[in-house]
Amino acid sequence: MPISFEPLAAAYRETIQQSLPQITDEIARAIAEAFQNKTRHIVDYEQRTPWDASGELVDTKMPFILENYRTVADFWEEYAGYREPSYESGHGWDFPTFGNDMQRDLHAILAPFYQQALVRLRQEDPQYFQQLVAYIHQEYDDQARTIPDIFQEIAFHDLVGDTEIECEIAVLTHVQDLELAPLLQKYELPRCCQRTVLERIDNLSAFIDELAGYCTSIAHVTSATDESSIQLHMERSEDGRVVFGKDKGARELLMDHIAHTSSLILRCDTDATDEAGRTIQELRGWFIIADATSITPQRILPDDLYEATNTDAETGEKLPPEPNVRYL
């Protein structure tokens, strides 16, 4: 029983085109979940060997920062955080990006919309729909009765040819150039992922600038709350900027941590040395009082800082002071 599949293909294309706003929402939700649940990965190509040029996937432990990505396509270039065999000689692993993941997942995202197309086809052209079902029963499976069953037979036997691929390309082309920030506006992203939100917290940016001002070459900052602590390396670059951490997102992660009631210790190298040739370091400390909209840093006095850093926290016993440290 010959049948043309063009009406079916046309119904698929029309439904996908009309459903682009809903499909875009589904893709935006997947991106928001990445911001909420995953951290940024990089590939360390210095770990390459003569027999494997793929490098090593490294979890930076840093958040994705919304303002670092103008479009969806920019974010899709980030690694998704896992590896898989490449089955290619001399290149052991592939590291899929979020864009690669979306290409793989898109058929599942579009499947409900293809089924909507079948429902519409049954309502608007019942004669053709019955011919289609009769063809599937005769050629493939006479038990396919429901819309999901019929859709599975169409997909498995590739009855619409390249139409599904064309639909996927149309969706990806539409979404990839969208600006990311407006797309994720309705989702609750972690505060550490949003530089703009952090910079609206009163005194926070100024305090970060103050910390940077003390760093003349290399420094280490430790921020501690009741729940957790983080340690970051700081370094003043040749152009005069102070870089927090070694990976993108470190500065925002520190800002988010400081914006809780916490304590902070800053240890800075100086250009001076002591009699033994050791680099003299300067130690500064703060208590941070924070609420949802502001922080209030309170400087720890040098004598209190000396006492705290030279006392065993568990036993209370005095520790020998570091001879090359100034408490400021």
C-alpha atoms as a PDB file:
ATOM      1  CA  MET A   1       0.000   0.000   0.000  1.00  0.00           C
ATOM      2  CA  PRO A   2       1.990   3.041  -1.205  1.00  0.00           C
ATOM      3  CA  ILE A   3       1.791   6.198   0.883  1.00  0.00           C
ATOM      4  CA  SER A   4       3.488   9.574   0.791  1.00  0.00           C
ATOM      5  CA  PHE A   5       5.219  10.613   3.986  1.00  0.00           C
ATOM      6  CA  GLU A   6       5.460  14.273   2.983  1.00  0.00           C
ATOM      7  CA  PRO A   7       2.280  15.281   4.894  1.00  0.00           C
ATOM      8  CA  LEU A   8       3.800  13.645   7.981  1.00  0.00           C
ATOM      9  CA  ALA A   9       7.129  15.401   7.458  1.00  0.00           C
ATOM     10  CA  ALA A  10       5.335  18.709   6.919  1.00  0.00           C
ATOM     11  CA  ALA A  11       3.389  18.226  10.155  1.00  0.00           C
ATOM     12  CA  TYR A  12       6.672  17.594  12.008  1.00  0.00           C
ATOM     13  CA  ARG A  13       8.309  20.708  10.589  1.00  0.00           C
ATOM     14  CA  GLU A  14       5.295  22.927  11.253  1.00  0.00           C
ATOM     15  CA  THR A  15       4.877  21.747  14.844  1.00  0.00           C
ATOM     16  CA  ILE A  16       8.555  22.216  15.670  1.00  0.00           C
ATOM     17  CA  GLN A  17       8.507  25.709  14.164  1.00  0.00           C
ATOM     18  CA  GLN A  18       5.411  26.680  16.128  1.00  0.00           C
ATOM     19  CA  SER A  19       6.784  25.129  19.322  1.00  0.00           C
ATOM     20  CA  LEU A  20      10.164  26.888  19.300  1.00  0.00           C
ATOM     21  CA  PRO A  21       9.366  28.947  22.439  1.00  0.00           C
ATOM     22  CA  GLN A  22       8.530  25.800  24.456  1.00  0.00           C
ATOM     23  CA  ILE A  23      11.516  23.908  23.047  1.00  0.00           C
ATOM     24  CA  THR A  24      13.766  26.844  23.906  1.00  0.00           C
ATOM     25  CA  ASP A  25      12.438  26.720  27.478  1.00  0.00           C
ATOM     26  CA  GLU A  26      13.381  23.044  27.713  1.00  0.00           C
ATOM     27  CA  ILE A  27      16.904  23.784  26.524  1.00  0.00           C
ATOM     28  CA  ALA A  28      17.195  26.749  28.898  1.00  0.00           C
ATOM     29  CA  ARG A  29      16.163  24.503  31.793  1.00  0.00           C
ATOM     30  CA  ALA A  30      18.949  22.051  30.905  1.00  0.00           C
ATOM     31  CA  ILE A  31      21.502  24.898  30.844  1.00  0.00           C
ATOM     32  CA  ALA A  32      20.233  26.237  34.183  1.00  0.00           C
ATOM     33  CA  GLU A  33      20.675  22.780  35.717  1.00  0.00           C
ATOM     34  CA  ALA A  34      24.306  22.812  34.585  1.00  0.00           C
ATOM     35  CA  PHE A  35      24.841  26.146  36.356  1.00  0.00           C
ATOM     36  CA  GLN A  36      23.115  24.807  39.457  1.00  0.00           C
ATOM     37  CA  ASN A  37      24.766  21.396  39.702  1.00  0.00           C
ATOM     38  CA  LYS A  38      28.055  21.331  37.815  1.00  0.00           C
ATOM     39  CA  THR A  39      31.457  23.003  37.904  1.00  0.00           C
ATOM     40  CA  ARG A  40      33.743  24.171  35.147  1.00  0.00           C
ATOM     41  CA  HIS A  41      36.181  21.657  33.622  1.00  0.00           C
ATOM     42  CA  ILE A  42      39.244  22.232  31.474  1.00  0.00           C
ATOM     43  CA  VAL A  43      41.530  19.907  29.527  1.00  0.00           C
ATOM     44  CA  ASP A  44      45.179  19.836  30.597  1.00  0.00           C
ATOM     45  CA  TYR A  45      47.105  19.100  27.426  1.00  0.00           C
ATOM     46  CA  GLU A  46      50.405  19.087  29.320  1.00  0.00           C
ATOM     47  CA  GLN A  47      49.455  15.590  30.463  1.00  0.00           C
ATOM     48  CA  ARG A  48      49.714  14.266  26.911  1.00  0.00           C
ATOM     49  CA  THR A  49      51.973  11.303  26.282  1.00  0.00           C
ATOM     50  CA  PRO A  50      53.561   9.991  23.065  1.00  0.00           C
ATOM     51  CA  TRP A  51      50.877   7.296  22.918  1.00  0.00           C
ATOM     52  CA  ASP A  52      47.891   9.445  23.957  1.00  0.00           C
ATOM     53  CA  ALA A  53      47.433  13.042  22.797  1.00  0.00           C
ATOM     54  CA  SER A  54      44.012  13.530  24.360  1.00  0.00           C
ATOM     55  CA  GLY A  55      45.163  15.231  27.588  1.00  0.00           C
ATOM     56  CA  GLU A  56      43.517  15.057  31.000  1.00  0.00           C
ATOM     57  CA  LEU A  57      40.113  16.412  32.042  1.00  0.00           C
ATOM     58  CA  VAL A  58      40.435  18.581  35.169  1.00  0.00           C
ATOM     59  CA  ASP A  59      37.629  19.753  37.440  1.00  0.00           C
ATOM     60  CA  THR A  60      38.496  23.338  38.429  1.00  0.00           C
ATOM     61  CA  LYS A  61      35.824  23.237  41.182  1.00  0.00           C
ATOM     62  CA  MET A  62      34.839  26.715  39.989  1.00  0.00           C
ATOM     63  CA  PRO A  63      31.316  27.831  39.067  1.00  0.00           C
ATOM     64  CA  PHE A  64      30.181  28.890  35.633  1.00  0.00           C
ATOM     65  CA  ILE A  65      29.865  32.685  35.622  1.00  0.00           C
ATOM     66  CA  LEU A  66      26.814  33.850  33.702  1.00  0.00           C
ATOM     67  CA  GLU A  67      28.434  37.097  32.560  1.00  0.00           C
ATOM     68  CA  ASN A  68      31.279  35.174  30.878  1.00  0.00           C
ATOM     69  CA  TYR A  69      28.916  33.903  28.153  1.00  0.00           C
ATOM     70  CA  ARG A  70      27.150  36.241  25.761  1.00  0.00           C
ATOM     71  CA  THR A  71      25.229  33.586  23.843  1.00  0.00           C
ATOM     72  CA  VAL A  72      24.099  30.007  24.317  1.00  0.00           C
ATOM     73  CA  ALA A  73      26.752  28.943  21.810  1.00  0.00           C
ATOM     74  CA  ASP A  74      29.437  30.455  24.054  1.00  0.00           C
ATOM     75  CA  PHE A  75      28.322  28.282  26.969  1.00  0.00           C
ATOM     76  CA  TRP A  76      27.962  25.203  24.789  1.00  0.00           C
ATOM     77  CA  GLU A  77      31.731  25.310  24.207  1.00  0.00           C
ATOM     78  CA  GLU A  78      32.336  24.392  27.872  1.00  0.00           C
ATOM     79  CA  TYR A  79      33.230  20.792  28.709  1.00  0.00           C
ATOM     80  CA  ALA A  80      30.357  18.784  30.176  1.00  0.00           C
ATOM     81  CA  GLY A  81      32.579  17.151  32.808  1.00  0.00           C
ATOM     82  CA  TYR A  82      33.076  13.586  31.610  1.00  0.00           C
ATOM     83  CA  ARG A  83      35.131  11.666  29.113  1.00  0.00           C
ATOM     84  CA  GLU A  84      34.425   8.826  26.715  1.00  0.00           C
ATOM     85  CA  PRO A  85      36.610   6.553  24.573  1.00  0.00           C
ATOM     86  CA  SER A  86      37.492   8.015  21.198  1.00  0.00           C
ATOM     87  CA  TYR A  87      38.341   4.649  19.602  1.00  0.00           C
ATOM     88  CA  GLU A  88      41.000   6.565  17.700  1.00  0.00           C
ATOM     89  CA  SER A  89      44.630   5.463  17.694  1.00  0.00           C
ATOM     90  CA  GLY A  90      46.849   7.887  19.625  1.00  0.00           C
ATOM     91  CA  HIS A  91      43.861   9.773  21.035  1.00  0.00           C
ATOM     92  CA  GLY A  92      42.395   7.790  23.904  1.00  0.00           C
ATOM     93  CA  TRP A  93      39.638  10.082  25.131  1.00  0.00           C
ATOM     94  CA  ASP A  94      37.083  12.546  23.857  1.00  0.00           C
ATOM     95  CA  PHE A  95      35.761  15.238  26.198  1.00  0.00           C
ATOM     96  CA  PRO A  96      32.217  16.157  25.137  1.00  0.00           C
ATOM     97  CA  THR A  97      31.039  19.737  25.482  1.00  0.00           C
ATOM     98  CA  PHE A  98      27.578  20.845  26.573  1.00  0.00           C
ATOM     99  CA  GLY A  99      26.944  21.521  22.891  1.00  0.00           C
ATOM    100  CA  ASN A 100      27.777  17.906  22.065  1.00  0.00           C
ATOM    101  CA  ASP A 101      25.424  16.773  24.821  1.00  0.00           C
ATOM    102  CA  MET A 102      22.618  18.915  23.481  1.00  0.00           C
ATOM    103  CA  GLN A 103      23.009  17.484  19.986  1.00  0.00           C
ATOM    104  CA  ARG A 104      22.649  14.014  21.485  1.00  0.00           C
ATOM    105  CA  ASP A 105      19.747  14.900  23.763  1.00  0.00           C
ATOM    106  CA  LEU A 106      17.772  16.972  21.290  1.00  0.00           C
ATOM    107  CA  HIS A 107      15.860  14.057  19.757  1.00  0.00           C
ATOM    108  CA  ALA A 108      14.493  13.172  23.206  1.00  0.00           C
ATOM    109  CA  ILE A 109      13.572  16.829  23.817  1.00  0.00           C
ATOM    110  CA  LEU A 110      11.737  17.030  20.476  1.00  0.00           C
ATOM    111  CA  ALA A 111       9.986  13.647  20.785  1.00  0.00           C
ATOM    112  CA  PRO A 112       6.919  15.008  22.660  1.00  0.00           C
ATOM    113  CA  PHE A 113       6.514  17.704  20.014  1.00  0.00           C
ATOM    114  CA  TYR A 114       6.671  15.149  17.199  1.00  0.00           C
ATOM    115  CA  GLN A 115       3.912  13.288  19.021  1.00  0.00           C
ATOM    116  CA  GLN A 116       1.913  16.508  19.213  1.00  0.00           C
ATOM    117  CA  ALA A 117       2.273  16.682  15.430  1.00  0.00           C
ATOM    118  CA  LEU A 118       0.725  13.216  15.159  1.00  0.00           C
ATOM    119  CA  VAL A 119      -2.173  14.260  17.389  1.00  0.00           C
ATOM    120  CA  ARG A 120      -2.799  17.295  15.206  1.00  0.00           C
ATOM    121  CA  LEU A 121      -2.554  15.181  12.085  1.00  0.00           C
ATOM    122  CA  ARG A 122      -5.160  12.781  13.482  1.00  0.00           C
ATOM    123  CA  GLN A 123      -7.488  15.716  14.209  1.00  0.00           C
ATOM    124  CA  GLU A 124      -6.939  17.768  11.049  1.00  0.00           C
ATOM    125  CA  ASP A 125      -6.463  15.032   8.449  1.00  0.00           C
ATOM    126  CA  PRO A 126      -8.014  11.859   9.894  1.00  0.00           C
ATOM    127  CA  GLN A 127      -8.099  10.095   6.514  1.00  0.00           C
ATOM    128  CA  TYR A 128      -4.358  10.459   5.990  1.00  0.00           C
ATOM    129  CA  PHE A 129      -3.675   9.506   9.615  1.00  0.00           C
ATOM    130  CA  GLN A 130      -5.645   6.281   9.208  1.00  0.00           C
ATOM    131  CA  GLN A 131      -3.686   5.492   6.025  1.00  0.00           C
ATOM    132  CA  LEU A 132      -0.460   6.052   7.935  1.00  0.00           C
ATOM    133  CA  VAL A 133      -1.521   3.768  10.776  1.00  0.00           C
ATOM    134  CA  ALA A 134      -2.690   1.115   8.303  1.00  0.00           C
ATOM    135  CA  TYR A 135       0.692   1.251   6.565  1.00  0.00           C
ATOM    136  CA  ILE A 136       2.541   0.807   9.867  1.00  0.00           C
ATOM    137  CA  HIS A 137       0.302  -2.121  10.793  1.00  0.00           C
ATOM    138  CA  GLN A 138       0.860  -3.804   7.439  1.00  0.00           C
ATOM    139  CA  GLU A 139       4.592  -3.207   7.157  1.00  0.00           C
ATOM    140  CA  TYR A 140       5.895  -3.200  10.724  1.00  0.00           C
ATOM    141  CA  ASP A 141       3.726  -3.673  13.815  1.00  0.00           C
ATOM    142  CA  ASP A 142      -0.004  -4.324  13.829  1.00  0.00           C
ATOM    143  CA  GLN A 143      -0.090  -3.722  17.596  1.00  0.00           C
ATOM    144  CA  ALA A 144       0.924  -0.049  17.338  1.00  0.00           C
ATOM    145  CA  ARG A 145      -2.212   1.723  18.529  1.00  0.00           C
ATOM    146  CA  THR A 146      -1.209   4.677  20.712  1.00  0.00           C
ATOM    147  CA  ILE A 147       0.466   7.894  19.582  1.00  0.00           C
ATOM    148  CA  PRO A 148       3.742   6.990  21.386  1.00  0.00           C
ATOM    149  CA  ASP A 149       3.744   3.548  19.705  1.00  0.00           C
ATOM    150  CA  ILE A 150       3.122   5.022  16.279  1.00  0.00           C
ATOM    151  CA  PHE A 151       5.819   7.640  16.834  1.00  0.00           C
ATOM    152  CA  GLN A 152       8.320   4.938  17.828  1.00  0.00           C
ATOM    153  CA  GLU A 153       7.631   3.008  14.620  1.00  0.00           C
ATOM    154  CA  ILE A 154       8.024   6.149  12.511  1.00  0.00           C
ATOM    155  CA  ALA A 155      11.318   6.979  14.209  1.00  0.00           C
ATOM    156  CA  PHE A 156      12.697   3.425  14.180  1.00  0.00           C
ATOM    157  CA  HIS A 157      11.979   2.912  10.487  1.00  0.00           C
ATOM    158  CA  ASP A 158      13.030   6.445   9.514  1.00  0.00           C
ATOM    159  CA  LEU A 159       9.787   7.106   7.657  1.00  0.00           C
ATOM    160  CA  VAL A 160      10.322  10.865   7.464  1.00  0.00           C
ATOM    161  CA  GLY A 161      13.881  10.612   6.118  1.00  0.00           C
ATOM    162  CA  ASP A 162      16.029  13.592   7.073  1.00  0.00           C
ATOM    163  CA  THR A 163      13.115  15.616   8.432  1.00  0.00           C
ATOM    164  CA  GLU A 164      14.020  15.033  12.097  1.00  0.00           C
ATOM    165  CA  ILE A 165      17.630  16.032  11.406  1.00  0.00           C
ATOM    166  CA  GLU A 166      16.405  19.155   9.617  1.00  0.00           C
ATOM    167  CA  CYS A 167      14.216  19.994  12.617  1.00  0.00           C
ATOM    168  CA  GLU A 168      17.122  19.517  15.025  1.00  0.00           C
ATOM    169  CA  ILE A 169      19.359  21.763  12.926  1.00  0.00           C
ATOM    170  CA  ALA A 170      16.626  24.412  12.837  1.00  0.00           C
ATOM    171  CA  VAL A 171      16.282  24.311  16.631  1.00  0.00           C
ATOM    172  CA  LEU A 172      20.035  24.473  17.265  1.00  0.00           C
ATOM    173  CA  THR A 173      20.412  27.343  14.795  1.00  0.00           C
ATOM    174  CA  HIS A 174      17.616  29.242  16.524  1.00  0.00           C
ATOM    175  CA  VAL A 175      18.860  28.692  20.084  1.00  0.00           C
ATOM    176  CA  GLN A 176      22.629  29.004  19.758  1.00  0.00           C
ATOM    177  CA  ASP A 177      22.605  32.738  18.952  1.00  0.00           C
ATOM    178  CA  LEU A 178      20.223  33.692  21.768  1.00  0.00           C
ATOM    179  CA  GLU A 179      21.673  35.809  24.567  1.00  0.00           C
ATOM    180  CA  LEU A 180      22.194  33.588  27.578  1.00  0.00           C
ATOM    181  CA  ALA A 181      21.409  35.934  30.479  1.00  0.00           C
ATOM    182  CA  PRO A 182      17.827  36.792  29.392  1.00  0.00           C
ATOM    183  CA  LEU A 183      17.221  33.126  28.594  1.00  0.00           C
ATOM    184  CA  LEU A 184      18.056  32.070  32.157  1.00  0.00           C
ATOM    185  CA  GLN A 185      16.370  35.024  33.842  1.00  0.00           C
ATOM    186  CA  LYS A 186      13.472  33.024  35.278  1.00  0.00           C
ATOM    187  CA  TYR A 187      15.716  30.346  36.802  1.00  0.00           C
ATOM    188  CA  GLU A 188      17.236  30.558  40.256  1.00  0.00           C
ATOM    189  CA  LEU A 189      20.973  30.307  39.679  1.00  0.00           C
ATOM    190  CA  PRO A 190      23.519  30.050  42.501  1.00  0.00           C
ATOM    191  CA  ARG A 191      24.687  33.477  43.638  1.00  0.00           C
ATOM    192  CA  CYS A 192      28.317  32.535  42.965  1.00  0.00           C
ATOM    193  CA  CYS A 193      27.404  32.172  39.269  1.00  0.00           C
ATOM    194  CA  GLN A 194      26.150  35.749  38.958  1.00  0.00           C
ATOM    195  CA  ARG A 195      28.798  38.456  39.057  1.00  0.00           C
ATOM    196  CA  THR A 196      26.204  41.208  38.684  1.00  0.00           C
ATOM    197  CA  VAL A 197      24.283  40.000  41.745  1.00  0.00           C
ATOM    198  CA  LEU A 198      27.467  39.773  43.814  1.00  0.00           C
ATOM    199  CA  GLU A 199      28.563  43.259  42.796  1.00  0.00           C
ATOM    200  CA  ARG A 200      25.248  44.669  44.057  1.00  0.00           C
ATOM    201  CA  ILE A 201      26.081  43.562  47.622  1.00  0.00           C
ATOM    202  CA  ASP A 202      27.153  46.703  49.462  1.00  0.00           C
ATOM    203  CA  ASN A 203      30.867  46.916  50.341  1.00  0.00           C
ATOM    204  CA  LEU A 204      31.709  43.556  48.758  1.00  0.00           C
ATOM    205  CA  SER A 205      33.439  44.788  45.587  1.00  0.00           C
ATOM    206  CA  ALA A 206      35.264  47.466  47.582  1.00  0.00           C
ATOM    207  CA  PHE A 207      36.518  44.842  50.029  1.00  0.00           C
ATOM    208  CA  ILE A 208      37.728  42.620  47.191  1.00  0.00           C
ATOM    209  CA  ASP A 209      39.573  45.622  45.761  1.00  0.00           C
ATOM    210  CA  GLU A 210      41.090  46.265  49.188  1.00  0.00           C
ATOM    211  CA  LEU A 211      42.380  42.694  49.364  1.00  0.00           C
ATOM    212  CA  ALA A 212      43.852  43.048  45.870  1.00  0.00           C
ATOM    213  CA  GLY A 213      45.554  46.273  46.898  1.00  0.00           C
ATOM    214  CA  TYR A 214      47.586  44.474  49.569  1.00  0.00           C
ATOM    215  CA  CYS A 215      48.923  41.942  47.042  1.00  0.00           C
ATOM    216  CA  THR A 216      52.159  43.276  45.563  1.00  0.00           C
ATOM    217  CA  SER A 217      53.302  39.963  44.079  1.00  0.00           C
ATOM    218  CA  ILE A 218      51.851  36.753  45.506  1.00  0.00           C
ATOM    219  CA  ALA A 219      49.285  36.220  48.252  1.00  0.00           C
ATOM    220  CA  HIS A 220      47.014  33.544  49.680  1.00  0.00           C
ATOM    221  CA  VAL A 221      43.542  34.194  51.039  1.00  0.00           C
ATOM    222  CA  THR A 222      41.555  31.871  53.308  1.00  0.00           C
ATOM    223  CA  SER A 223      37.856  32.463  53.932  1.00  0.00           C
ATOM    224  CA  ALA A 224      36.028  30.361  56.512  1.00  0.00           C
ATOM    225  CA  THR A 225      32.385  30.086  57.567  1.00  0.00           C
ATOM    226  CA  ASP A 226      30.805  27.689  60.044  1.00  0.00           C
ATOM    227  CA  GLU A 227      30.085  25.283  57.168  1.00  0.00           C
ATOM    228  CA  SER A 228      33.123  25.457  54.903  1.00  0.00           C
ATOM    229  CA  SER A 229      36.360  27.174  53.960  1.00  0.00           C
ATOM    230  CA  ILE A 230      38.132  28.022  50.717  1.00  0.00           C
ATOM    231  CA  GLN A 231      41.733  28.927  49.953  1.00  0.00           C
ATOM    232  CA  LEU A 232      42.802  30.855  46.875  1.00  0.00           C
ATOM    233  CA  HIS A 233      46.101  31.905  45.386  1.00  0.00           C
ATOM    234  CA  MET A 234      46.403  35.567  44.352  1.00  0.00           C
ATOM    235  CA  GLU A 235      48.973  37.019  42.015  1.00  0.00           C
ATOM    236  CA  ARG A 236      49.652  40.454  40.571  1.00  0.00           C
ATOM    237  CA  SER A 237      50.247  40.152  36.841  1.00  0.00           C
ATOM    238  CA  GLU A 238      52.634  42.185  34.711  1.00  0.00           C
ATOM    239  CA  ASP A 239      49.841  44.546  33.662  1.00  0.00           C
ATOM    240  CA  GLY A 240      49.127  45.375  37.303  1.00  0.00           C
ATOM    241  CA  ARG A 241      45.906  43.381  37.700  1.00  0.00           C
ATOM    242  CA  VAL A 242      45.489  40.975  40.613  1.00  0.00           C
ATOM    243  CA  VAL A 243      44.246  37.564  39.518  1.00  0.00           C
ATOM    244  CA  PHE A 244      42.284  35.497  42.018  1.00  0.00           C
ATOM    245  CA  GLY A 245      42.874  31.757  41.670  1.00  0.00           C
ATOM    246  CA  LYS A 246      44.115  29.924  38.628  1.00  0.00           C
ATOM    247  CA  ASP A 247      40.764  29.358  36.930  1.00  0.00           C
ATOM    248  CA  LYS A 248      37.781  31.414  35.813  1.00  0.00           C
ATOM    249  CA  GLY A 249      35.160  31.827  38.509  1.00  0.00           C
ATOM    250  CA  ALA A 250      37.582  31.932  41.467  1.00  0.00           C
ATOM    251  CA  ARG A 251      36.988  35.623  42.207  1.00  0.00           C
ATOM    252  CA  GLU A 252      33.209  35.174  42.184  1.00  0.00           C
ATOM    253  CA  LEU A 253      33.453  32.049  44.343  1.00  0.00           C
ATOM    254  CA  LEU A 254      35.459  34.024  46.921  1.00  0.00           C
ATOM    255  CA  MET A 255      32.982  36.917  46.782  1.00  0.00           C
ATOM    256  CA  ASP A 256      30.078  34.552  47.412  1.00  0.00           C
ATOM    257  CA  HIS A 257      31.926  32.946  50.329  1.00  0.00           C
ATOM    258  CA  ILE A 258      32.775  36.307  51.877  1.00  0.00           C
ATOM    259  CA  ALA A 259      29.137  37.370  51.560  1.00  0.00           C
ATOM    260  CA  HIS A 260      28.306  34.996  54.411  1.00  0.00           C
ATOM    261  CA  THR A 261      29.238  35.745  57.996  1.00  0.00           C
ATOM    262  CA  SER A 262      32.825  34.529  57.957  1.00  0.00           C
ATOM    263  CA  SER A 263      36.439  35.151  58.859  1.00  0.00           C
ATOM    264  CA  LEU A 264      39.204  35.889  56.387  1.00  0.00           C
ATOM    265  CA  ILE A 265      42.989  35.697  56.568  1.00  0.00           C
ATOM    266  CA  LEU A 266      45.226  37.273  53.916  1.00  0.00           C
ATOM    267  CA  ARG A 267      48.900  36.306  53.690  1.00  0.00           C
ATOM    268  CA  CYS A 268      50.978  38.460  51.312  1.00  0.00           C
ATOM    269  CA  ASP A 269      54.580  38.036  50.189  1.00  0.00           C
ATOM    270  CA  THR A 270      56.684  41.190  50.293  1.00  0.00           C
ATOM    271  CA  ASP A 271      59.891  42.167  48.512  1.00  0.00           C
ATOM    272  CA  ALA A 272      61.825  42.033  51.806  1.00  0.00           C
ATOM    273  CA  THR A 273      63.665  39.077  53.351  1.00  0.00           C
ATOM    274  CA  ASP A 274      64.780  38.298  56.905  1.00  0.00           C
ATOM    275  CA  GLU A 275      68.304  37.474  58.059  1.00  0.00           C
ATOM    276  CA  ALA A 276      67.883  33.872  56.931  1.00  0.00           C
ATOM    277  CA  GLY A 277      66.866  34.928  53.412  1.00  0.00           C
ATOM    278  CA  ARG A 278      63.220  33.992  53.881  1.00  0.00           C
ATOM    279  CA  THR A 279      60.571  36.136  52.224  1.00  0.00           C
ATOM    280  CA  ILE A 280      58.848  38.326  54.785  1.00  0.00           C
ATOM    281  CA  GLN A 281      55.083  37.907  54.720  1.00  0.00           C
ATOM    282  CA  GLU A 282      52.338  40.213  55.959  1.00  0.00           C
ATOM    283  CA  LEU A 283      49.320  38.720  57.694  1.00  0.00           C
ATOM    284  CA  ARG A 284      45.974  40.501  57.942  1.00  0.00           C
ATOM    285  CA  GLY A 285      42.633  39.278  59.198  1.00  0.00           C
ATOM    286  CA  TRP A 286      38.963  40.275  59.225  1.00  0.00           C
ATOM    287  CA  PHE A 287      35.666  39.177  60.659  1.00  0.00           C
ATOM    288  CA  ILE A 288      32.886  39.588  58.096  1.00  0.00           C
ATOM    289  CA  ILE A 289      29.365  40.444  59.229  1.00  0.00           C
ATOM    290  CA  ALA A 290      26.995  39.783  56.313  1.00  0.00           C
ATOM    291  CA  ASP A 291      23.333  39.861  55.426  1.00  0.00           C
ATOM    292  CA  ALA A 292      21.492  39.501  52.126  1.00  0.00           C
ATOM    293  CA  THR A 293      22.403  42.990  50.886  1.00  0.00           C
ATOM    294  CA  SER A 294      25.689  44.033  52.483  1.00  0.00           C
ATOM    295  CA  ILE A 295      28.865  43.016  54.275  1.00  0.00           C
ATOM    296  CA  THR A 296      30.722  44.761  57.082  1.00  0.00           C
ATOM    297  CA  PRO A 297      34.386  43.775  57.366  1.00  0.00           C
ATOM    298  CA  GLN A 298      35.849  44.226  60.848  1.00  0.00           C
ATOM    299  CA  ARG A 299      39.638  44.203  61.070  1.00  0.00           C
ATOM    300  CA  ILE A 300      41.229  41.752  63.512  1.00  0.00           C
ATOM    301  CA  LEU A 301      43.780  43.579  65.632  1.00  0.00           C
ATOM    302  CA  PRO A 302      47.418  42.490  65.159  1.00  0.00           C
ATOM    303  CA  ASP A 303      47.768  41.154  68.735  1.00  0.00           C
ATOM    304  CA  ASP A 304      44.559  39.130  68.391  1.00  0.00           C
ATOM    305  CA  LEU A 305      45.685  37.858  64.988  1.00  0.00           C
ATOM    306  CA  TYR A 306      49.057  36.838  66.438  1.00  0.00           C
ATOM    307  CA  GLU A 307      47.308  35.025  69.288  1.00  0.00           C
ATOM    308  CA  ALA A 308      44.867  33.222  67.002  1.00  0.00           C
ATOM    309  CA  THR A 309      47.389  32.063  64.414  1.00  0.00           C
ATOM    310  CA  ASN A 310      49.946  30.890  66.960  1.00  0.00           C
ATOM    311  CA  THR A 311      47.614  28.833  69.134  1.00  0.00           C
ATOM    312  CA  ASP A 312      46.668  25.194  68.509  1.00  0.00           C
ATOM    313  CA  ALA A 313      42.920  25.258  67.855  1.00  0.00           C
ATOM    314  CA  GLU A 314      42.347  21.829  69.418  1.00  0.00           C
ATOM    315  CA  THR A 315      44.607  21.871  72.478  1.00  0.00           C
ATOM    316  CA  GLY A 316      44.949  25.599  73.153  1.00  0.00           C
ATOM    317  CA  GLU A 317      48.718  25.213  73.389  1.00  0.00           C
ATOM    318  CA  LYS A 318      50.943  28.006  72.160  1.00  0.00           C
ATOM    319  CA  LEU A 319      52.746  27.420  68.864  1.00  0.00           C
ATOM    320  CA  PRO A 320      56.132  28.876  67.921  1.00  0.00           C
ATOM    321  CA  PRO A 321      55.553  32.034  65.848  1.00  0.00           C
ATOM    322  CA  GLU A 322      56.694  32.192  62.255  1.00  0.00           C
ATOM    323  CA  PRO A 323      59.825  34.363  62.310  1.00  0.00           C
ATOM    324  CA  ASN A 324      59.226  35.881  58.852  1.00  0.00           C
ATOM    325  CA  VAL A 325      55.649  37.070  59.422  1.00  0.00           C
ATOM    326  CA  ARG A 326      54.452  40.566  60.233  1.00  0.00           C
ATOM    327  CA  TYR A 327      51.019  40.827  61.858  1.00  0.00           C
ATOM    328  CA  LEU A 328      49.218  43.924  60.634  1.00  0.00           C
END
